[in-house]
Amino acid sequence: ETSCQGQEKDSYKTLKLLSSVPMALYMILVLLGIFGNAIVISVVGESILREPGGGRNSDMILVNMAFSNLMVSMTRNMLLVISDTGLEVLPGKDWCQILMGVWVWLRSVNVWSTFFLSAFHFHTLRRTAPPITSLSGPRGLPRGILTGFGLIWSSNLLYSVPAFIYSTSGGKNATETLMLVSSTTRPLLGCLWDFPSVYSGLAFATTSMVIHEIIPIVLMSVTNLGSLLTLYAHGNAHSTGNKAQDAPVIRRVPAERRAAKVILALILLFIVSWGASVISVNYFNYNRGASSTYLLVLARFSNSLFIALSPLILAVGHRRLRQFFKSIISH
């Protein structure tokens, strides 16, 4: 009984703190994420359809990432905004299982789609002899890219299976005892985790933390560092006039340098926002200290930060997106 009272007290503090923060700021972040990523999908997707052979590989990866961002915003973040307006929607157990599964699936896809962008560009920078089709447009659909998309979406669907099983509807006054970055940082629509035991829940949370939280951040940091070192080596080679045949592809495609800076900015933003959320949620799971309430509020905003700001960063480096926004401003 004391434990339940403590959980209810912590939940009350969280809701009180959430009501005191400027909800307008959070709503702006969510709306930016929805409209910004929809614009990326529309503008870049149109260029893919118009170009022969399906367009550039990097554009296809951008659309995949933007689509996962949009789905997370529509299926989870928008529901958080609606629930904060006071609208009470309490789905049954079956719907909660579906919603929790979809949240875990889309959020995990979002993580690995972002890493896919980082890894692809690192590979592009390191490639020494790009085929002519990479400069003038591929002649057919890139099987490797499509296979990567299939693996990301299918493998993360398998990973989300426990969410379809071990979740339930806790009702109006539900309080969460276990949180995952990939689902939600508080009982949304009364849906919460329902593992057979505390230990099995923590085991799943730990596995999730390693596979979908720590490993992606480490891999993105490695590919980011590798891209920076490649750009640095290219700069030195260019300044010394070295025309070695094994120079990176960015020597032949100058626009890759600007693209590299944009992607580096994207990944750094992801690491900061995702890392803040990881620290906050796992502090709640394993510590439950006095700062957990404030950290959960931080996690909520950081979850939406990357999704909201990534289209703005892409607009700086992507030619078609720049043209689109310039046309809007000029009119």
C-alpha atoms as a PDB file:
ATOM      1  CA  GLU A   1       0.000   0.000   0.000  1.00  0.00           C
ATOM      2  CA  THR A   2       2.845   2.396   0.798  1.00  0.00           C
ATOM      3  CA  SER A   3       4.399   1.658  -2.593  1.00  0.00           C
ATOM      4  CA  CYS A   4       1.126   2.388  -4.403  1.00  0.00           C
ATOM      5  CA  GLN A   5       0.699   5.646  -2.497  1.00  0.00           C
ATOM      6  CA  GLY A   6       4.243   6.626  -3.450  1.00  0.00           C
ATOM      7  CA  GLN A   7       3.573   5.878  -7.093  1.00  0.00           C
ATOM      8  CA  GLU A   8       0.356   7.933  -7.024  1.00  0.00           C
ATOM      9  CA  LYS A   9       2.231  10.803  -5.361  1.00  0.00           C
ATOM     10  CA  ASP A  10       4.986  10.710  -8.013  1.00  0.00           C
ATOM     11  CA  SER A  11       2.373  10.614 -10.772  1.00  0.00           C
ATOM     12  CA  TYR A  12       0.605  13.629  -9.264  1.00  0.00           C
ATOM     13  CA  LYS A  13       3.884  15.551  -9.108  1.00  0.00           C
ATOM     14  CA  THR A  14       4.632  14.709 -12.721  1.00  0.00           C
ATOM     15  CA  LEU A  15       1.226  15.825 -13.955  1.00  0.00           C
ATOM     16  CA  LYS A  16       1.427  19.002 -11.874  1.00  0.00           C
ATOM     17  CA  LEU A  17       4.860  19.804 -13.282  1.00  0.00           C
ATOM     18  CA  LEU A  18       3.717  19.020 -16.818  1.00  0.00           C
ATOM     19  CA  SER A  19       0.814  21.428 -16.412  1.00  0.00           C
ATOM     20  CA  SER A  20       3.192  24.155 -15.245  1.00  0.00           C
ATOM     21  CA  VAL A  21       5.532  23.959 -18.252  1.00  0.00           C
ATOM     22  CA  PRO A  22       4.567  25.987 -21.322  1.00  0.00           C
ATOM     23  CA  MET A  23       2.447  23.488 -23.226  1.00  0.00           C
ATOM     24  CA  ALA A  24       2.457  25.849 -26.172  1.00  0.00           C
ATOM     25  CA  LEU A  25       6.162  25.074 -26.647  1.00  0.00           C
ATOM     26  CA  TYR A  26       5.519  21.346 -26.722  1.00  0.00           C
ATOM     27  CA  MET A  27       2.615  21.780 -29.130  1.00  0.00           C
ATOM     28  CA  ILE A  28       4.866  23.853 -31.405  1.00  0.00           C
ATOM     29  CA  LEU A  29       7.471  21.084 -31.386  1.00  0.00           C
ATOM     30  CA  VAL A  30       4.871  18.459 -32.268  1.00  0.00           C
ATOM     31  CA  LEU A  31       3.339  20.560 -35.049  1.00  0.00           C
ATOM     32  CA  LEU A  32       6.792  21.342 -36.445  1.00  0.00           C
ATOM     33  CA  GLY A  33       7.517  17.635 -36.513  1.00  0.00           C
ATOM     34  CA  ILE A  34       4.283  16.836 -38.355  1.00  0.00           C
ATOM     35  CA  PHE A  35       4.337  19.580 -40.964  1.00  0.00           C
ATOM     36  CA  GLY A  36       8.130  19.652 -41.384  1.00  0.00           C
ATOM     37  CA  ASN A  37       8.492  15.936 -42.039  1.00  0.00           C
ATOM     38  CA  ALA A  38       5.413  15.932 -44.285  1.00  0.00           C
ATOM     39  CA  ILE A  39       7.101  18.631 -46.392  1.00  0.00           C
ATOM     40  CA  VAL A  40      10.338  16.596 -46.561  1.00  0.00           C
ATOM     41  CA  ILE A  41       8.411  13.523 -47.725  1.00  0.00           C
ATOM     42  CA  SER A  42       6.457  15.532 -50.304  1.00  0.00           C
ATOM     43  CA  VAL A  43       9.324  17.561 -51.781  1.00  0.00           C
ATOM     44  CA  VAL A  44      12.087  14.944 -51.709  1.00  0.00           C
ATOM     45  CA  GLY A  45       9.679  12.135 -52.582  1.00  0.00           C
ATOM     46  CA  GLU A  46       8.505  14.021 -55.657  1.00  0.00           C
ATOM     47  CA  SER A  47      12.102  14.369 -56.866  1.00  0.00           C
ATOM     48  CA  ILE A  48      12.612  10.613 -56.383  1.00  0.00           C
ATOM     49  CA  LEU A  49       9.548   9.803 -58.484  1.00  0.00           C
ATOM     50  CA  ARG A  50      10.558  12.212 -61.239  1.00  0.00           C
ATOM     51  CA  GLU A  51      14.152  11.038 -61.609  1.00  0.00           C
ATOM     52  CA  PRO A  52      14.737   7.923 -63.724  1.00  0.00           C
ATOM     53  CA  GLY A  53      15.505   4.801 -61.753  1.00  0.00           C
ATOM     54  CA  GLY A  54      14.054   6.066 -58.477  1.00  0.00           C
ATOM     55  CA  GLY A  55      16.337   8.981 -57.672  1.00  0.00           C
ATOM     56  CA  ARG A  56      19.386   9.210 -55.433  1.00  0.00           C
ATOM     57  CA  ASN A  57      19.965   6.708 -52.653  1.00  0.00           C
ATOM     58  CA  SER A  58      20.459   9.443 -50.063  1.00  0.00           C
ATOM     59  CA  ASP A  59      17.073  10.978 -50.922  1.00  0.00           C
ATOM     60  CA  MET A  60      15.367   7.629 -50.422  1.00  0.00           C
ATOM     61  CA  ILE A  61      16.988   7.285 -46.996  1.00  0.00           C
ATOM     62  CA  LEU A  62      15.903  10.833 -46.086  1.00  0.00           C
ATOM     63  CA  VAL A  63      12.303  10.045 -47.019  1.00  0.00           C
ATOM     64  CA  ASN A  64      12.394   6.832 -44.972  1.00  0.00           C
ATOM     65  CA  MET A  65      13.696   8.725 -41.935  1.00  0.00           C
ATOM     66  CA  ALA A  66      11.169  11.545 -42.378  1.00  0.00           C
ATOM     67  CA  PHE A  67       8.349   8.995 -42.706  1.00  0.00           C
ATOM     68  CA  SER A  68       9.320   7.328 -39.433  1.00  0.00           C
ATOM     69  CA  ASN A  69       9.502  10.778 -37.791  1.00  0.00           C
ATOM     70  CA  LEU A  70       6.020  11.613 -39.082  1.00  0.00           C
ATOM     71  CA  MET A  71       4.535   8.332 -37.891  1.00  0.00           C
ATOM     72  CA  VAL A  72       5.970   8.791 -34.380  1.00  0.00           C
ATOM     73  CA  SER A  73       4.548  12.331 -34.251  1.00  0.00           C
ATOM     74  CA  MET A  74       1.107  11.269 -35.468  1.00  0.00           C
ATOM     75  CA  THR A  75       0.678   8.092 -33.427  1.00  0.00           C
ATOM     76  CA  ARG A  76       2.317   9.136 -30.159  1.00  0.00           C
ATOM     77  CA  ASN A  77       3.290  12.795 -29.728  1.00  0.00           C
ATOM     78  CA  MET A  78       0.004  14.124 -31.081  1.00  0.00           C
ATOM     79  CA  LEU A  79      -1.880  11.855 -28.683  1.00  0.00           C
ATOM     80  CA  LEU A  80       0.147  13.349 -25.818  1.00  0.00           C
ATOM     81  CA  VAL A  81      -0.975  16.836 -26.865  1.00  0.00           C
ATOM     82  CA  ILE A  82      -4.609  15.741 -27.119  1.00  0.00           C
ATOM     83  CA  SER A  83      -4.518  14.094 -23.696  1.00  0.00           C
ATOM     84  CA  ASP A  84      -3.049  17.265 -22.188  1.00  0.00           C
ATOM     85  CA  THR A  85      -6.038  19.251 -23.409  1.00  0.00           C
ATOM     86  CA  GLY A  86      -8.167  17.279 -20.960  1.00  0.00           C
ATOM     87  CA  LEU A  87      -9.795  14.916 -23.462  1.00  0.00           C
ATOM     88  CA  GLU A  88     -10.067  11.533 -21.759  1.00  0.00           C
ATOM     89  CA  VAL A  89      -9.876   8.518 -24.034  1.00  0.00           C
ATOM     90  CA  LEU A  90      -9.391   5.193 -22.264  1.00  0.00           C
ATOM     91  CA  PRO A  91      -9.069   2.291 -24.716  1.00  0.00           C
ATOM     92  CA  GLY A  92      -9.472  -1.300 -23.634  1.00  0.00           C
ATOM     93  CA  LYS A  93      -6.723  -3.852 -23.166  1.00  0.00           C
ATOM     94  CA  ASP A  94      -6.734  -4.972 -26.806  1.00  0.00           C
ATOM     95  CA  TRP A  95      -6.332  -1.442 -28.142  1.00  0.00           C
ATOM     96  CA  CYS A  96      -3.622  -0.687 -25.586  1.00  0.00           C
ATOM     97  CA  GLN A  97      -1.672  -3.714 -26.746  1.00  0.00           C
ATOM     98  CA  ILE A  98      -1.928  -2.526 -30.344  1.00  0.00           C
ATOM     99  CA  LEU A  99      -0.953   1.046 -29.450  1.00  0.00           C
ATOM    100  CA  MET A 100       2.015   0.045 -27.284  1.00  0.00           C
ATOM    101  CA  GLY A 101       3.244  -2.310 -29.998  1.00  0.00           C
ATOM    102  CA  VAL A 102       2.971   0.368 -32.658  1.00  0.00           C
ATOM    103  CA  TRP A 103       4.749   2.942 -30.443  1.00  0.00           C
ATOM    104  CA  VAL A 104       7.669   0.604 -29.747  1.00  0.00           C
ATOM    105  CA  TRP A 105       7.867  -0.461 -33.409  1.00  0.00           C
ATOM    106  CA  LEU A 106       7.863   3.050 -34.888  1.00  0.00           C
ATOM    107  CA  ARG A 107      10.214   4.529 -32.296  1.00  0.00           C
ATOM    108  CA  SER A 108      12.731   1.716 -32.819  1.00  0.00           C
ATOM    109  CA  VAL A 109      12.464   2.093 -36.605  1.00  0.00           C
ATOM    110  CA  ASN A 110      13.083   5.823 -36.145  1.00  0.00           C
ATOM    111  CA  VAL A 111      16.345   5.145 -34.294  1.00  0.00           C
ATOM    112  CA  TRP A 112      17.771   2.710 -36.830  1.00  0.00           C
ATOM    113  CA  SER A 113      16.575   4.756 -39.816  1.00  0.00           C
ATOM    114  CA  THR A 114      18.591   7.668 -38.461  1.00  0.00           C
ATOM    115  CA  PHE A 115      21.629   5.437 -38.030  1.00  0.00           C
ATOM    116  CA  PHE A 116      21.123   4.131 -41.581  1.00  0.00           C
ATOM    117  CA  LEU A 117      21.497   7.685 -42.874  1.00  0.00           C
ATOM    118  CA  SER A 118      24.698   8.177 -40.903  1.00  0.00           C
ATOM    119  CA  ALA A 119      26.167   4.822 -41.944  1.00  0.00           C
ATOM    120  CA  PHE A 120      25.267   5.309 -45.609  1.00  0.00           C
ATOM    121  CA  HIS A 121      26.934   8.697 -45.820  1.00  0.00           C
ATOM    122  CA  PHE A 122      30.045   7.439 -44.027  1.00  0.00           C
ATOM    123  CA  HIS A 123      30.215   4.635 -46.590  1.00  0.00           C
ATOM    124  CA  THR A 124      29.758   7.174 -49.392  1.00  0.00           C
ATOM    125  CA  LEU A 125      32.599   9.326 -48.089  1.00  0.00           C
ATOM    126  CA  ARG A 126      34.928   6.348 -47.774  1.00  0.00           C
ATOM    127  CA  ARG A 127      34.142   4.874 -51.180  1.00  0.00           C
ATOM    128  CA  THR A 128      37.091   5.348 -53.534  1.00  0.00           C
ATOM    129  CA  ALA A 129      35.593   4.564 -56.926  1.00  0.00           C
ATOM    130  CA  PRO A 130      31.931   5.505 -57.180  1.00  0.00           C
ATOM    131  CA  PRO A 131      30.123   4.246 -60.252  1.00  0.00           C
ATOM    132  CA  ILE A 132      29.025   6.753 -62.859  1.00  0.00           C
ATOM    133  CA  THR A 133      25.406   6.060 -61.984  1.00  0.00           C
ATOM    134  CA  SER A 134      25.961   7.540 -58.522  1.00  0.00           C
ATOM    135  CA  LEU A 135      26.681  10.882 -60.164  1.00  0.00           C
ATOM    136  CA  SER A 136      24.028  10.915 -62.857  1.00  0.00           C
ATOM    137  CA  GLY A 137      21.366   8.866 -61.105  1.00  0.00           C
ATOM    138  CA  PRO A 138      20.936   5.093 -60.748  1.00  0.00           C
ATOM    139  CA  ARG A 139      19.485   3.118 -63.630  1.00  0.00           C
ATOM    140  CA  GLY A 140      17.426   0.867 -61.410  1.00  0.00           C
ATOM    141  CA  LEU A 141      16.057   0.555 -57.922  1.00  0.00           C
ATOM    142  CA  PRO A 142      18.948   0.109 -55.459  1.00  0.00           C
ATOM    143  CA  ARG A 143      18.525  -3.366 -54.012  1.00  0.00           C
ATOM    144  CA  GLY A 144      20.875  -2.714 -51.109  1.00  0.00           C
ATOM    145  CA  ILE A 145      18.909   0.318 -49.925  1.00  0.00           C
ATOM    146  CA  LEU A 146      15.554  -1.443 -50.267  1.00  0.00           C
ATOM    147  CA  THR A 147      16.930  -4.471 -48.425  1.00  0.00           C
ATOM    148  CA  GLY A 148      18.104  -2.177 -45.632  1.00  0.00           C
ATOM    149  CA  PHE A 149      14.641  -0.647 -45.360  1.00  0.00           C
ATOM    150  CA  GLY A 150      13.072  -4.091 -45.223  1.00  0.00           C
ATOM    151  CA  LEU A 151      15.431  -5.268 -42.487  1.00  0.00           C
ATOM    152  CA  ILE A 152      14.856  -2.145 -40.387  1.00  0.00           C
ATOM    153  CA  TRP A 153      11.069  -2.327 -40.498  1.00  0.00           C
ATOM    154  CA  SER A 154      10.739  -6.124 -40.204  1.00  0.00           C
ATOM    155  CA  SER A 155      13.340  -6.726 -37.482  1.00  0.00           C
ATOM    156  CA  ASN A 156      11.960  -3.939 -35.309  1.00  0.00           C
ATOM    157  CA  LEU A 157       8.451  -5.317 -35.772  1.00  0.00           C
ATOM    158  CA  LEU A 158       9.710  -8.605 -34.331  1.00  0.00           C
ATOM    159  CA  TYR A 159      11.356  -6.714 -31.464  1.00  0.00           C
ATOM    160  CA  SER A 160       8.060  -4.978 -30.647  1.00  0.00           C
ATOM    161  CA  VAL A 161       6.149  -8.270 -30.248  1.00  0.00           C
ATOM    162  CA  PRO A 162       6.449  -8.214 -26.398  1.00  0.00           C
ATOM    163  CA  ALA A 163       4.708  -4.818 -26.415  1.00  0.00           C
ATOM    164  CA  PHE A 164       1.727  -6.383 -28.206  1.00  0.00           C
ATOM    165  CA  ILE A 165       1.566  -9.028 -25.454  1.00  0.00           C
ATOM    166  CA  TYR A 166       2.773  -7.542 -22.159  1.00  0.00           C
ATOM    167  CA  SER A 167       0.727  -4.354 -22.029  1.00  0.00           C
ATOM    168  CA  THR A 168      -2.679  -3.524 -20.680  1.00  0.00           C
ATOM    169  CA  SER A 169      -5.120  -0.751 -19.864  1.00  0.00           C
ATOM    170  CA  GLY A 170      -4.583   0.658 -16.398  1.00  0.00           C
ATOM    171  CA  GLY A 171      -7.572   2.979 -16.327  1.00  0.00           C
ATOM    172  CA  LYS A 172      -7.852   6.665 -15.544  1.00  0.00           C
ATOM    173  CA  ASN A 173      -5.618   6.701 -12.445  1.00  0.00           C
ATOM    174  CA  ALA A 174      -2.930   4.401 -13.828  1.00  0.00           C
ATOM    175  CA  THR A 175       0.643   4.978 -12.703  1.00  0.00           C
ATOM    176  CA  GLU A 176       3.628   3.566 -14.574  1.00  0.00           C
ATOM    177  CA  THR A 177       6.189   1.414 -12.780  1.00  0.00           C
ATOM    178  CA  LEU A 178       8.348   0.727 -15.851  1.00  0.00           C
ATOM    179  CA  MET A 179       9.186   3.056 -18.722  1.00  0.00           C
ATOM    180  CA  LEU A 180      10.925   2.641 -22.055  1.00  0.00           C
ATOM    181  CA  VAL A 181      12.164   5.392 -24.331  1.00  0.00           C
ATOM    182  CA  SER A 182      10.599   3.520 -27.247  1.00  0.00           C
ATOM    183  CA  SER A 183       7.069   3.591 -25.818  1.00  0.00           C
ATOM    184  CA  THR A 184       6.120   6.595 -23.697  1.00  0.00           C
ATOM    185  CA  THR A 185       7.315   8.450 -20.613  1.00  0.00           C
ATOM    186  CA  ARG A 186       3.986   8.211 -18.801  1.00  0.00           C
ATOM    187  CA  PRO A 187       0.750   6.160 -19.066  1.00  0.00           C
ATOM    188  CA  LEU A 188      -0.667   7.521 -22.332  1.00  0.00           C
ATOM    189  CA  LEU A 189      -4.409   6.829 -22.691  1.00  0.00           C
ATOM    190  CA  GLY A 190      -4.084   4.660 -19.591  1.00  0.00           C
ATOM    191  CA  CYS A 191      -1.857   2.130 -21.399  1.00  0.00           C
ATOM    192  CA  LEU A 192       1.066   0.668 -19.466  1.00  0.00           C
ATOM    193  CA  TRP A 193       3.416  -2.299 -19.350  1.00  0.00           C
ATOM    194  CA  ASP A 194       2.175  -5.509 -17.721  1.00  0.00           C
ATOM    195  CA  PHE A 195       5.022  -8.009 -17.473  1.00  0.00           C
ATOM    196  CA  PRO A 196       4.564 -11.203 -15.424  1.00  0.00           C
ATOM    197  CA  SER A 197       7.120 -10.020 -12.868  1.00  0.00           C
ATOM    198  CA  VAL A 198       9.258  -7.024 -12.014  1.00  0.00           C
ATOM    199  CA  TYR A 199      12.397  -8.926 -13.020  1.00  0.00           C
ATOM    200  CA  SER A 200      11.098  -9.821 -16.478  1.00  0.00           C
ATOM    201  CA  GLY A 201      10.098  -6.195 -17.007  1.00  0.00           C
ATOM    202  CA  LEU A 202      13.521  -4.918 -16.006  1.00  0.00           C
ATOM    203  CA  ALA A 203      15.159  -7.590 -18.183  1.00  0.00           C
ATOM    204  CA  PHE A 204      13.229  -6.345 -21.207  1.00  0.00           C
ATOM    205  CA  ALA A 205      13.989  -2.721 -20.311  1.00  0.00           C
ATOM    206  CA  THR A 206      17.705  -3.518 -19.982  1.00  0.00           C
ATOM    207  CA  THR A 207      17.752  -5.386 -23.301  1.00  0.00           C
ATOM    208  CA  SER A 208      15.938  -2.484 -24.928  1.00  0.00           C
ATOM    209  CA  MET A 209      18.383  -0.004 -23.421  1.00  0.00           C
ATOM    210  CA  VAL A 210      21.361  -1.906 -24.859  1.00  0.00           C
ATOM    211  CA  ILE A 211      19.959  -2.738 -28.315  1.00  0.00           C
ATOM    212  CA  HIS A 212      17.927   0.357 -29.112  1.00  0.00           C
ATOM    213  CA  GLU A 213      19.466   3.054 -26.945  1.00  0.00           C
ATOM    214  CA  ILE A 214      23.171   2.505 -26.220  1.00  0.00           C
ATOM    215  CA  ILE A 215      24.295   0.640 -29.355  1.00  0.00           C
ATOM    216  CA  PRO A 216      22.739   3.122 -31.839  1.00  0.00           C
ATOM    217  CA  ILE A 217      24.291   6.099 -30.045  1.00  0.00           C
ATOM    218  CA  VAL A 218      27.711   4.407 -30.000  1.00  0.00           C
ATOM    219  CA  LEU A 219      27.459   3.448 -33.680  1.00  0.00           C
ATOM    220  CA  MET A 220      26.327   6.934 -34.691  1.00  0.00           C
ATOM    221  CA  SER A 221      29.190   8.442 -32.723  1.00  0.00           C
ATOM    222  CA  VAL A 222      31.663   6.123 -34.492  1.00  0.00           C
ATOM    223  CA  THR A 223      30.307   6.885 -37.983  1.00  0.00           C
ATOM    224  CA  ASN A 224      30.218  10.599 -37.154  1.00  0.00           C
ATOM    225  CA  LEU A 225      33.833  10.514 -36.025  1.00  0.00           C
ATOM    226  CA  GLY A 226      34.761   8.539 -39.119  1.00  0.00           C
ATOM    227  CA  SER A 227      33.047  11.090 -41.357  1.00  0.00           C
ATOM    228  CA  LEU A 228      34.829  13.956 -39.614  1.00  0.00           C
ATOM    229  CA  LEU A 229      38.210  12.247 -40.005  1.00  0.00           C
ATOM    230  CA  THR A 230      37.467  11.558 -43.677  1.00  0.00           C
ATOM    231  CA  LEU A 231      36.566  15.205 -44.287  1.00  0.00           C
ATOM    232  CA  TYR A 232      39.694  16.302 -42.430  1.00  0.00           C
ATOM    233  CA  ALA A 233      41.874  13.965 -44.495  1.00  0.00           C
ATOM    234  CA  HIS A 234      40.251  15.227 -47.674  1.00  0.00           C
ATOM    235  CA  GLY A 235      40.936  18.830 -46.663  1.00  0.00           C
ATOM    236  CA  ASN A 236      44.605  18.070 -46.075  1.00  0.00           C
ATOM    237  CA  ALA A 237      44.896  16.189 -49.364  1.00  0.00           C
ATOM    238  CA  HIS A 238      43.241  19.066 -51.201  1.00  0.00           C
ATOM    239  CA  SER A 239      45.499  21.680 -49.626  1.00  0.00           C
ATOM    240  CA  THR A 240      48.650  19.750 -50.521  1.00  0.00           C
ATOM    241  CA  GLY A 241      47.461  19.124 -54.061  1.00  0.00           C
ATOM    242  CA  ASN A 242      47.505  15.342 -53.667  1.00  0.00           C
ATOM    243  CA  LYS A 243      45.530  13.745 -56.477  1.00  0.00           C
ATOM    244  CA  ALA A 244      45.748  10.167 -55.325  1.00  0.00           C
ATOM    245  CA  GLN A 245      43.344   7.757 -56.928  1.00  0.00           C
ATOM    246  CA  ASP A 246      42.036   6.582 -53.574  1.00  0.00           C
ATOM    247  CA  ALA A 247      40.739  10.029 -52.588  1.00  0.00           C
ATOM    248  CA  PRO A 248      37.218   9.977 -51.153  1.00  0.00           C
ATOM    249  CA  VAL A 249      34.191  10.419 -53.331  1.00  0.00           C
ATOM    250  CA  ILE A 250      33.677  13.964 -52.035  1.00  0.00           C
ATOM    251  CA  ARG A 251      36.578  15.083 -54.273  1.00  0.00           C
ATOM    252  CA  ARG A 252      34.464  14.188 -57.289  1.00  0.00           C
ATOM    253  CA  VAL A 253      31.208  15.441 -55.789  1.00  0.00           C
ATOM    254  CA  PRO A 254      31.824  18.761 -53.967  1.00  0.00           C
ATOM    255  CA  ALA A 255      28.216  18.872 -52.749  1.00  0.00           C
ATOM    256  CA  GLU A 256      29.042  15.901 -50.516  1.00  0.00           C
ATOM    257  CA  ARG A 257      30.953  18.216 -48.196  1.00  0.00           C
ATOM    258  CA  ARG A 258      27.860  20.286 -47.497  1.00  0.00           C
ATOM    259  CA  ALA A 259      25.762  17.131 -47.204  1.00  0.00           C
ATOM    260  CA  ALA A 260      28.263  15.741 -44.700  1.00  0.00           C
ATOM    261  CA  LYS A 261      27.944  18.820 -42.489  1.00  0.00           C
ATOM    262  CA  VAL A 262      24.143  18.627 -42.563  1.00  0.00           C
ATOM    263  CA  ILE A 263      24.118  14.919 -41.706  1.00  0.00           C
ATOM    264  CA  LEU A 264      26.659  15.461 -38.926  1.00  0.00           C
ATOM    265  CA  ALA A 265      24.406  18.181 -37.489  1.00  0.00           C
ATOM    266  CA  LEU A 266      21.425  15.818 -37.721  1.00  0.00           C
ATOM    267  CA  ILE A 267      23.202  12.985 -35.927  1.00  0.00           C
ATOM    268  CA  LEU A 268      24.580  15.278 -33.218  1.00  0.00           C
ATOM    269  CA  LEU A 269      21.054  16.594 -32.615  1.00  0.00           C
ATOM    270  CA  PHE A 270      19.782  13.014 -32.417  1.00  0.00           C
ATOM    271  CA  ILE A 271      22.490  11.972 -29.959  1.00  0.00           C
ATOM    272  CA  VAL A 272      21.772  14.940 -27.688  1.00  0.00           C
ATOM    273  CA  SER A 273      17.976  14.550 -27.725  1.00  0.00           C
ATOM    274  CA  TRP A 274      17.971  10.759 -27.556  1.00  0.00           C
ATOM    275  CA  GLY A 275      20.736  10.674 -24.952  1.00  0.00           C
ATOM    276  CA  ALA A 276      18.855  13.048 -22.658  1.00  0.00           C
ATOM    277  CA  SER A 277      15.767  10.866 -22.948  1.00  0.00           C
ATOM    278  CA  VAL A 278      17.734   7.662 -22.310  1.00  0.00           C
ATOM    279  CA  ILE A 279      19.346   9.071 -19.156  1.00  0.00           C
ATOM    280  CA  SER A 280      16.039  10.386 -17.823  1.00  0.00           C
ATOM    281  CA  VAL A 281      13.988   7.245 -18.408  1.00  0.00           C
ATOM    282  CA  ASN A 282      16.615   4.834 -17.096  1.00  0.00           C
ATOM    283  CA  TYR A 283      17.125   7.012 -14.023  1.00  0.00           C
ATOM    284  CA  PHE A 284      13.427   6.481 -13.341  1.00  0.00           C
ATOM    285  CA  ASN A 285      13.632   2.706 -13.930  1.00  0.00           C
ATOM    286  CA  TYR A 286      16.682   2.008 -11.783  1.00  0.00           C
ATOM    287  CA  ASN A 287      16.893   4.861  -9.262  1.00  0.00           C
ATOM    288  CA  ARG A 288      13.538   6.617  -8.654  1.00  0.00           C
ATOM    289  CA  GLY A 289      15.332   9.494  -6.948  1.00  0.00           C
ATOM    290  CA  ALA A 290      13.932  12.935  -6.193  1.00  0.00           C
ATOM    291  CA  SER A 291      14.964  14.224  -9.616  1.00  0.00           C
ATOM    292  CA  SER A 292      13.062  11.566 -11.584  1.00  0.00           C
ATOM    293  CA  THR A 293       9.941  13.735 -11.943  1.00  0.00           C
ATOM    294  CA  TYR A 294      11.879  16.609 -13.510  1.00  0.00           C
ATOM    295  CA  LEU A 295      13.903  14.272 -15.717  1.00  0.00           C
ATOM    296  CA  LEU A 296      10.728  12.695 -17.109  1.00  0.00           C
ATOM    297  CA  VAL A 297       9.555  16.146 -18.182  1.00  0.00           C
ATOM    298  CA  LEU A 298      12.929  16.647 -19.861  1.00  0.00           C
ATOM    299  CA  ALA A 299      12.564  13.264 -21.569  1.00  0.00           C
ATOM    300  CA  ARG A 300       9.205  14.239 -22.950  1.00  0.00           C
ATOM    301  CA  PHE A 301      10.554  17.371 -24.653  1.00  0.00           C
ATOM    302  CA  SER A 302      13.768  15.735 -25.828  1.00  0.00           C
ATOM    303  CA  ASN A 303      11.735  12.942 -27.447  1.00  0.00           C
ATOM    304  CA  SER A 304      10.173  15.509 -29.782  1.00  0.00           C
ATOM    305  CA  LEU A 305      13.206  17.746 -30.281  1.00  0.00           C
ATOM    306  CA  PHE A 306      14.904  15.752 -33.030  1.00  0.00           C
ATOM    307  CA  ILE A 307      11.674  15.070 -34.920  1.00  0.00           C
ATOM    308  CA  ALA A 308      10.767  18.774 -34.861  1.00  0.00           C
ATOM    309  CA  LEU A 309      14.147  20.255 -35.788  1.00  0.00           C
ATOM    310  CA  SER A 310      15.489  17.695 -38.281  1.00  0.00           C
ATOM    311  CA  PRO A 311      13.408  19.069 -41.219  1.00  0.00           C
ATOM    312  CA  LEU A 312      14.806  22.555 -40.531  1.00  0.00           C
ATOM    313  CA  ILE A 313      18.378  21.211 -40.630  1.00  0.00           C
ATOM    314  CA  LEU A 314      17.649  19.308 -43.836  1.00  0.00           C
ATOM    315  CA  ALA A 315      16.275  22.484 -45.405  1.00  0.00           C
ATOM    316  CA  VAL A 316      19.699  24.095 -44.979  1.00  0.00           C
ATOM    317  CA  GLY A 317      21.570  21.445 -46.937  1.00  0.00           C
ATOM    318  CA  HIS A 318      19.075  19.975 -49.401  1.00  0.00           C
ATOM    319  CA  ARG A 319      18.765  21.927 -52.653  1.00  0.00           C
ATOM    320  CA  ARG A 320      15.127  21.109 -53.419  1.00  0.00           C
ATOM    321  CA  LEU A 321      14.022  21.838 -49.870  1.00  0.00           C
ATOM    322  CA  ARG A 322      15.846  25.181 -49.968  1.00  0.00           C
ATOM    323  CA  GLN A 323      14.123  26.054 -53.212  1.00  0.00           C
ATOM    324  CA  PHE A 324      10.752  25.080 -51.748  1.00  0.00           C
ATOM    325  CA  PHE A 325      11.122  27.258 -48.661  1.00  0.00           C
ATOM    326  CA  LYS A 326      12.542  30.161 -50.715  1.00  0.00           C
ATOM    327  CA  SER A 327       9.499  30.022 -52.963  1.00  0.00           C
ATOM    328  CA  ILE A 328       7.210  30.160 -49.923  1.00  0.00           C
ATOM    329  CA  ILE A 329       9.071  33.117 -48.437  1.00  0.00           C
ATOM    330  CA  SER A 330       9.139  35.006 -51.758  1.00  0.00           C
ATOM    331  CA  HIS A 331       5.381  34.637 -52.112  1.00  0.00           C
END
